């Protein structure tokens, strides 16, 4: 039990600092609320558009799709790097093939103009 005293003191200090910051924020923070703070997101786009046939920018969704495509697939390389010595030459060939396919997708998206931002 004597080894847990430092952990208990650290936890008390952490909770105390958190409560102190919350109290200081309430005490010194701004009093006037902005109406935009009530929206689920503060990007400036109205939450509900009464005109259902308005223009729709698809560039945001295409960019998001490409972000998911390349970031998530690149995240698959981390487990490969951890077990690099155990998987040997076969694993190296598989990883190079994976990166090659990923690079082909990137070149294809670039050639189609998907990375060019149109306003």
N, C-alpha and C. Protein backbone atom coordinates (compact mmCIF):
# COMPACT_ATOMS: atom_id res chain seq x y z
N UNK A 1 0.80 -1.20 0.00
CA UNK A 1 0.00 0.00 0.00
C UNK A 1 0.85 1.26 0.00
N UNK A 2 2.05 1.17 0.49
CA UNK A 2 2.87 2.37 0.59
C UNK A 2 3.30 2.89 -0.78
N UNK A 3 3.34 2.04 -1.80
CA UNK A 3 3.73 2.46 -3.13
C UNK A 3 2.63 3.22 -3.86
N UNK A 4 1.40 3.11 -3.37
CA UNK A 4 0.28 3.76 -4.03
C UNK A 4 0.05 5.18 -3.54
N UNK A 5 0.77 5.63 -2.57
CA UNK A 5 0.60 6.99 -2.04
C UNK A 5 0.90 8.05 -3.08
N UNK A 6 1.97 7.85 -3.84
CA UNK A 6 2.34 8.83 -4.87
C UNK A 6 1.29 8.88 -5.97
N UNK A 7 0.74 7.72 -6.32
CA UNK A 7 -0.30 7.69 -7.35
C UNK A 7 -1.55 8.41 -6.86
N UNK A 8 -1.91 8.21 -5.59
CA UNK A 8 -3.07 8.87 -5.03
C UNK A 8 -2.87 10.39 -4.99
N UNK A 9 -1.69 10.83 -4.59
CA UNK A 9 -1.41 12.27 -4.56
C UNK A 9 -1.44 12.84 -5.98
N UNK A 10 -0.88 12.12 -6.94
CA UNK A 10 -0.91 12.58 -8.33
C UNK A 10 -2.34 12.69 -8.84
N UNK A 11 -3.19 11.71 -8.51
CA UNK A 11 -4.59 11.74 -8.93
C UNK A 11 -5.32 12.92 -8.29
N UNK A 12 -5.05 13.20 -7.02
CA UNK A 12 -5.67 14.36 -6.36
C UNK A 12 -5.24 15.67 -7.02
N UNK A 13 -3.96 15.77 -7.35
CA UNK A 13 -3.47 16.99 -8.01
C UNK A 13 -4.11 17.13 -9.39
N UNK A 14 -4.23 16.05 -10.13
CA UNK A 14 -4.83 16.10 -11.47
C UNK A 14 -6.29 16.52 -11.39
N UNK A 15 -7.04 15.95 -10.47
CA UNK A 15 -8.45 16.34 -10.32
C UNK A 15 -8.54 17.77 -9.84
N UNK A 16 -7.67 18.18 -8.94
CA UNK A 16 -7.68 19.56 -8.44
C UNK A 16 -7.38 20.58 -9.54
N UNK A 17 -6.40 20.27 -10.38
CA UNK A 17 -6.08 21.18 -11.49
C UNK A 17 -7.24 21.25 -12.47
N UNK A 18 -7.86 20.11 -12.78
CA UNK A 18 -9.01 20.11 -13.67
C UNK A 18 -10.16 20.93 -13.12
N UNK A 19 -10.48 20.76 -11.84
CA UNK A 19 -11.54 21.54 -11.22
C UNK A 19 -11.19 23.02 -11.15
N UNK A 20 -9.92 23.33 -10.89
CA UNK A 20 -9.50 24.74 -10.84
C UNK A 20 -9.66 25.39 -12.21
N UNK A 21 -9.29 24.70 -13.28
CA UNK A 21 -9.45 25.27 -14.62
C UNK A 21 -10.92 25.46 -14.97
N UNK A 22 -11.76 24.51 -14.60
CA UNK A 22 -13.19 24.65 -14.86
C UNK A 22 -13.77 25.82 -14.09
N UNK A 23 -13.36 25.99 -12.82
CA UNK A 23 -13.84 27.12 -12.03
C UNK A 23 -13.34 28.45 -12.60
N UNK A 24 -12.07 28.51 -12.98
CA UNK A 24 -11.53 29.75 -13.56
C UNK A 24 -12.19 30.08 -14.89
N UNK A 25 -12.51 29.08 -15.68
CA UNK A 25 -13.21 29.32 -16.94
C UNK A 25 -14.59 29.90 -16.68
N UNK A 26 -15.28 29.36 -15.69
CA UNK A 26 -16.60 29.88 -15.36
C UNK A 26 -16.50 31.29 -14.78
N UNK A 27 -15.46 31.55 -14.02
CA UNK A 27 -15.29 32.85 -13.38
C UNK A 27 -14.82 33.92 -14.36
N UNK A 28 -13.86 33.60 -15.21
CA UNK A 28 -13.24 34.59 -16.09
C UNK A 28 -13.70 34.53 -17.54
N UNK A 29 -14.48 33.52 -17.90
CA UNK A 29 -14.87 33.32 -19.29
C UNK A 29 -15.89 34.34 -19.76
N UNK A 30 -16.13 34.31 -21.07
CA UNK A 30 -17.08 35.23 -21.69
C UNK A 30 -18.50 34.90 -21.22
N UNK A 31 -19.30 35.94 -21.03
CA UNK A 31 -20.67 35.75 -20.56
C UNK A 31 -21.68 35.69 -21.70
N UNK A 32 -21.39 36.35 -22.82
CA UNK A 32 -22.33 36.41 -23.92
C UNK A 32 -22.12 35.21 -24.83
N UNK A 33 -23.18 34.44 -25.05
CA UNK A 33 -23.09 33.27 -25.93
C UNK A 33 -23.35 33.70 -27.36
N UNK A 34 -22.58 33.11 -28.26
CA UNK A 34 -22.77 33.31 -29.68
C UNK A 34 -23.87 32.37 -30.16
N UNK A 35 -24.82 32.83 -30.99
CA UNK A 35 -25.87 31.92 -31.47
C UNK A 35 -25.33 30.75 -32.28
N UNK A 36 -24.19 30.90 -32.91
CA UNK A 36 -23.62 29.81 -33.70
C UNK A 36 -23.12 28.67 -32.82
N UNK A 37 -22.94 28.91 -31.52
CA UNK A 37 -22.47 27.86 -30.64
C UNK A 37 -23.53 26.78 -30.42
N UNK A 38 -24.78 27.10 -30.71
CA UNK A 38 -25.84 26.13 -30.53
C UNK A 38 -25.96 25.14 -31.68
N UNK A 39 -25.29 25.41 -32.79
CA UNK A 39 -25.32 24.49 -33.93
C UNK A 39 -24.41 23.30 -33.65
N UNK A 40 -24.68 22.16 -34.26
CA UNK A 40 -23.81 21.00 -34.04
C UNK A 40 -22.39 21.23 -34.54
N UNK A 41 -22.22 22.05 -35.53
CA UNK A 41 -20.88 22.38 -36.01
C UNK A 41 -20.87 23.85 -36.38
N UNK A 42 -19.71 24.46 -36.31
CA UNK A 42 -19.60 25.90 -36.50
C UNK A 42 -18.86 26.24 -37.79
N UNK A 43 -19.26 25.63 -38.89
CA UNK A 43 -18.55 25.88 -40.15
C UNK A 43 -19.19 27.00 -40.96
N UNK A 44 -20.31 27.54 -40.52
CA UNK A 44 -20.95 28.62 -41.24
C UNK A 44 -22.01 28.17 -42.22
N UNK A 45 -22.14 26.87 -42.43
CA UNK A 45 -23.15 26.35 -43.33
C UNK A 45 -24.44 26.20 -42.53
N UNK A 46 -25.57 26.70 -43.04
CA UNK A 46 -26.82 26.55 -42.29
C UNK A 46 -27.16 25.06 -42.08
N UNK A 47 -27.72 24.77 -40.93
CA UNK A 47 -28.02 23.39 -40.60
C UNK A 47 -29.11 22.82 -41.48
N UNK A 48 -30.17 23.57 -41.68
CA UNK A 48 -31.27 23.11 -42.51
C UNK A 48 -31.47 24.09 -43.65
N UNK A 49 -31.53 23.57 -44.86
CA UNK A 49 -31.73 24.40 -46.03
C UNK A 49 -33.14 24.15 -46.55
N UNK A 50 -34.00 25.17 -46.57
CA UNK A 50 -35.37 24.93 -47.05
C UNK A 50 -35.42 24.61 -48.54
N UNK A 51 -34.42 25.05 -49.28
CA UNK A 51 -34.37 24.77 -50.72
C UNK A 51 -33.62 23.46 -50.92
N UNK A 52 -34.34 22.42 -51.28
CA UNK A 52 -33.72 21.10 -51.42
C UNK A 52 -32.93 20.96 -52.70
N UNK A 53 -33.14 21.84 -53.65
CA UNK A 53 -32.46 21.72 -54.94
C UNK A 53 -31.31 22.70 -55.08
N UNK A 54 -30.71 23.09 -53.99
CA UNK A 54 -29.59 24.01 -54.04
C UNK A 54 -28.34 23.33 -54.58
N UNK A 55 -27.32 24.14 -54.85
CA UNK A 55 -26.07 23.57 -55.34
C UNK A 55 -25.39 22.77 -54.23
N UNK A 56 -24.71 21.76 -54.63
CA UNK A 56 -24.12 20.82 -53.68
C UNK A 56 -22.67 20.61 -54.06
N UNK A 57 -21.76 21.05 -53.20
CA UNK A 57 -20.33 20.90 -53.49
C UNK A 57 -19.89 19.50 -53.13
N UNK A 58 -19.51 18.74 -54.13
CA UNK A 58 -19.09 17.37 -53.90
C UNK A 58 -17.59 17.26 -53.64
N UNK A 59 -16.88 18.35 -53.78
CA UNK A 59 -15.44 18.32 -53.55
C UNK A 59 -15.08 17.94 -52.13
N UNK A 60 -15.91 18.36 -51.17
CA UNK A 60 -15.63 18.02 -49.77
C UNK A 60 -15.70 16.51 -49.56
N UNK A 61 -16.71 15.89 -50.14
CA UNK A 61 -16.89 14.46 -49.96
C UNK A 61 -15.84 13.65 -50.72
N UNK A 62 -15.44 14.13 -51.88
CA UNK A 62 -14.40 13.45 -52.63
C UNK A 62 -13.07 13.54 -51.90
N UNK A 63 -12.78 14.70 -51.36
CA UNK A 63 -11.55 14.86 -50.60
C UNK A 63 -11.56 13.99 -49.34
N UNK A 64 -12.71 13.92 -48.68
CA UNK A 64 -12.83 13.06 -47.50
C UNK A 64 -12.66 11.59 -47.85
N UNK A 65 -13.22 11.18 -48.98
CA UNK A 65 -13.09 9.80 -49.42
C UNK A 65 -11.63 9.47 -49.73
N UNK A 66 -10.94 10.39 -50.38
CA UNK A 66 -9.52 10.16 -50.67
C UNK A 66 -8.69 10.13 -49.39
N UNK A 67 -9.05 10.97 -48.42
CA UNK A 67 -8.34 10.97 -47.15
C UNK A 67 -8.49 9.62 -46.46
N UNK A 68 -9.72 9.11 -46.44
CA UNK A 68 -9.95 7.81 -45.82
C UNK A 68 -9.20 6.72 -46.59
N UNK A 69 -9.25 6.79 -47.90
CA UNK A 69 -8.60 5.77 -48.72
C UNK A 69 -7.11 5.70 -48.43
N UNK A 70 -6.42 6.82 -48.47
CA UNK A 70 -4.97 6.80 -48.34
C UNK A 70 -4.50 6.73 -46.89
N UNK A 71 -5.21 7.34 -45.96
CA UNK A 71 -4.77 7.28 -44.56
C UNK A 71 -5.00 5.92 -43.94
N UNK A 72 -6.17 5.35 -44.17
CA UNK A 72 -6.46 4.06 -43.56
C UNK A 72 -5.60 2.97 -44.18
N UNK A 73 -5.42 3.02 -45.49
CA UNK A 73 -4.57 2.01 -46.10
C UNK A 73 -3.11 2.18 -45.69
N UNK A 74 -2.68 3.40 -45.49
CA UNK A 74 -1.31 3.60 -45.02
C UNK A 74 -1.15 3.13 -43.58
N UNK A 75 -2.24 3.15 -42.81
CA UNK A 75 -2.17 2.66 -41.42
C UNK A 75 -1.96 1.15 -41.37
N UNK A 76 -2.26 0.45 -42.44
CA UNK A 76 -2.01 -0.99 -42.47
C UNK A 76 -0.52 -1.31 -42.51
N UNK A 77 0.31 -0.34 -42.78
CA UNK A 77 1.75 -0.58 -42.82
C UNK A 77 2.37 -0.65 -41.42
N UNK A 78 1.71 -0.10 -40.41
CA UNK A 78 2.28 -0.12 -39.07
C UNK A 78 2.41 -1.54 -38.51
N UNK A 79 1.38 -2.40 -38.59
CA UNK A 79 1.58 -3.77 -38.11
C UNK A 79 2.66 -4.51 -38.91
N UNK A 80 2.75 -4.22 -40.19
CA UNK A 80 3.78 -4.86 -41.00
C UNK A 80 5.17 -4.46 -40.50
N UNK A 81 5.32 -3.19 -40.12
CA UNK A 81 6.63 -2.74 -39.64
C UNK A 81 7.00 -3.39 -38.31
N UNK A 82 5.99 -3.71 -37.51
CA UNK A 82 6.27 -4.32 -36.20
C UNK A 82 6.80 -5.74 -36.36
N UNK A 83 6.26 -6.50 -37.29
CA UNK A 83 6.66 -7.90 -37.46
C UNK A 83 7.53 -8.08 -38.70
N UNK A 84 8.26 -7.07 -39.07
CA UNK A 84 9.07 -7.10 -40.29
C UNK A 84 10.07 -8.25 -40.29
N UNK A 85 10.75 -8.49 -39.19
CA UNK A 85 11.79 -9.54 -39.15
C UNK A 85 11.19 -10.94 -39.21
N UNK A 86 9.98 -11.11 -38.69
CA UNK A 86 9.38 -12.44 -38.66
C UNK A 86 8.77 -12.85 -40.00
N UNK A 87 8.31 -11.90 -40.80
CA UNK A 87 7.61 -12.27 -42.03
C UNK A 87 8.54 -12.49 -43.21
N UNK A 88 9.74 -12.00 -43.12
CA UNK A 88 10.75 -12.29 -44.12
C UNK A 88 10.51 -11.67 -45.49
N UNK A 89 11.06 -12.35 -46.51
CA UNK A 89 11.01 -11.83 -47.88
C UNK A 89 9.59 -11.81 -48.42
N UNK A 90 8.79 -12.81 -48.07
CA UNK A 90 7.40 -12.85 -48.54
C UNK A 90 6.63 -11.62 -48.05
N UNK A 91 6.80 -11.26 -46.81
CA UNK A 91 6.14 -10.07 -46.26
C UNK A 91 6.62 -8.79 -46.91
N UNK A 92 7.92 -8.74 -47.22
CA UNK A 92 8.46 -7.56 -47.90
C UNK A 92 7.85 -7.41 -49.29
N UNK A 93 7.74 -8.52 -50.01
CA UNK A 93 7.15 -8.46 -51.35
C UNK A 93 5.68 -8.04 -51.27
N UNK A 94 4.95 -8.56 -50.30
CA UNK A 94 3.55 -8.18 -50.12
C UNK A 94 3.42 -6.70 -49.79
N UNK A 95 4.29 -6.18 -48.94
CA UNK A 95 4.22 -4.77 -48.56
C UNK A 95 4.56 -3.88 -49.75
N UNK A 96 5.56 -4.26 -50.54
CA UNK A 96 5.92 -3.47 -51.72
C UNK A 96 4.77 -3.50 -52.73
N UNK A 97 4.13 -4.63 -52.90
CA UNK A 97 2.97 -4.72 -53.79
C UNK A 97 1.82 -3.84 -53.28
N UNK A 98 1.60 -3.85 -51.98
CA UNK A 98 0.57 -3.01 -51.38
C UNK A 98 0.85 -1.53 -51.62
N UNK A 99 2.08 -1.11 -51.41
CA UNK A 99 2.45 0.29 -51.63
C UNK A 99 2.34 0.64 -53.11
N UNK A 100 2.68 -0.29 -53.98
CA UNK A 100 2.57 -0.05 -55.42
C UNK A 100 1.12 0.17 -55.82
N UNK A 101 0.22 -0.67 -55.31
CA UNK A 101 -1.21 -0.50 -55.62
C UNK A 101 -1.72 0.82 -55.05
N UNK A 102 -1.28 1.18 -53.87
CA UNK A 102 -1.66 2.46 -53.27
C UNK A 102 -1.14 3.62 -54.10
N UNK A 103 0.08 3.52 -54.60
CA UNK A 103 0.64 4.57 -55.45
C UNK A 103 -0.10 4.66 -56.78
N UNK A 104 -0.51 3.52 -57.34
CA UNK A 104 -1.32 3.55 -58.57
C UNK A 104 -2.64 4.28 -58.35
N UNK A 105 -3.27 4.05 -57.21
CA UNK A 105 -4.51 4.76 -56.89
C UNK A 105 -4.29 6.24 -56.74
N UNK A 106 -3.16 6.63 -56.14
CA UNK A 106 -2.84 8.04 -55.99
C UNK A 106 -2.60 8.70 -57.36
N UNK A 107 -1.85 8.02 -58.22
CA UNK A 107 -1.58 8.57 -59.56
C UNK A 107 -2.88 8.67 -60.36
N UNK A 108 -3.76 7.69 -60.23
CA UNK A 108 -5.04 7.73 -60.93
C UNK A 108 -5.90 8.91 -60.45
N UNK A 109 -5.96 9.11 -59.13
CA UNK A 109 -6.74 10.22 -58.59
C UNK A 109 -6.14 11.55 -59.02
N UNK A 110 -4.82 11.63 -59.08
CA UNK A 110 -4.16 12.86 -59.51
C UNK A 110 -4.44 13.11 -60.99
N UNK A 111 -4.37 12.07 -61.81
CA UNK A 111 -4.60 12.23 -63.25
C UNK A 111 -6.04 12.63 -63.55
N UNK A 112 -6.99 12.14 -62.76
CA UNK A 112 -8.39 12.48 -62.97
C UNK A 112 -8.74 13.86 -62.42
N UNK A 113 -7.81 14.51 -61.72
CA UNK A 113 -8.05 15.85 -61.19
C UNK A 113 -8.79 15.84 -59.86
N UNK A 114 -8.82 14.71 -59.19
CA UNK A 114 -9.54 14.63 -57.92
C UNK A 114 -8.84 15.43 -56.82
N UNK A 115 -7.57 15.68 -56.96
CA UNK A 115 -6.83 16.43 -55.95
C UNK A 115 -6.80 17.93 -56.23
N UNK A 116 -7.34 18.34 -57.36
CA UNK A 116 -7.40 19.75 -57.71
C UNK A 116 -8.64 20.34 -57.05
N UNK A 117 -8.47 21.42 -56.33
CA UNK A 117 -9.59 22.02 -55.60
C UNK A 117 -10.30 23.02 -56.50
N UNK A 118 -11.57 22.74 -56.78
CA UNK A 118 -12.38 23.65 -57.58
C UNK A 118 -13.34 24.37 -56.65
N UNK A 119 -13.46 25.68 -56.85
CA UNK A 119 -14.40 26.46 -56.02
C UNK A 119 -15.63 26.81 -56.82
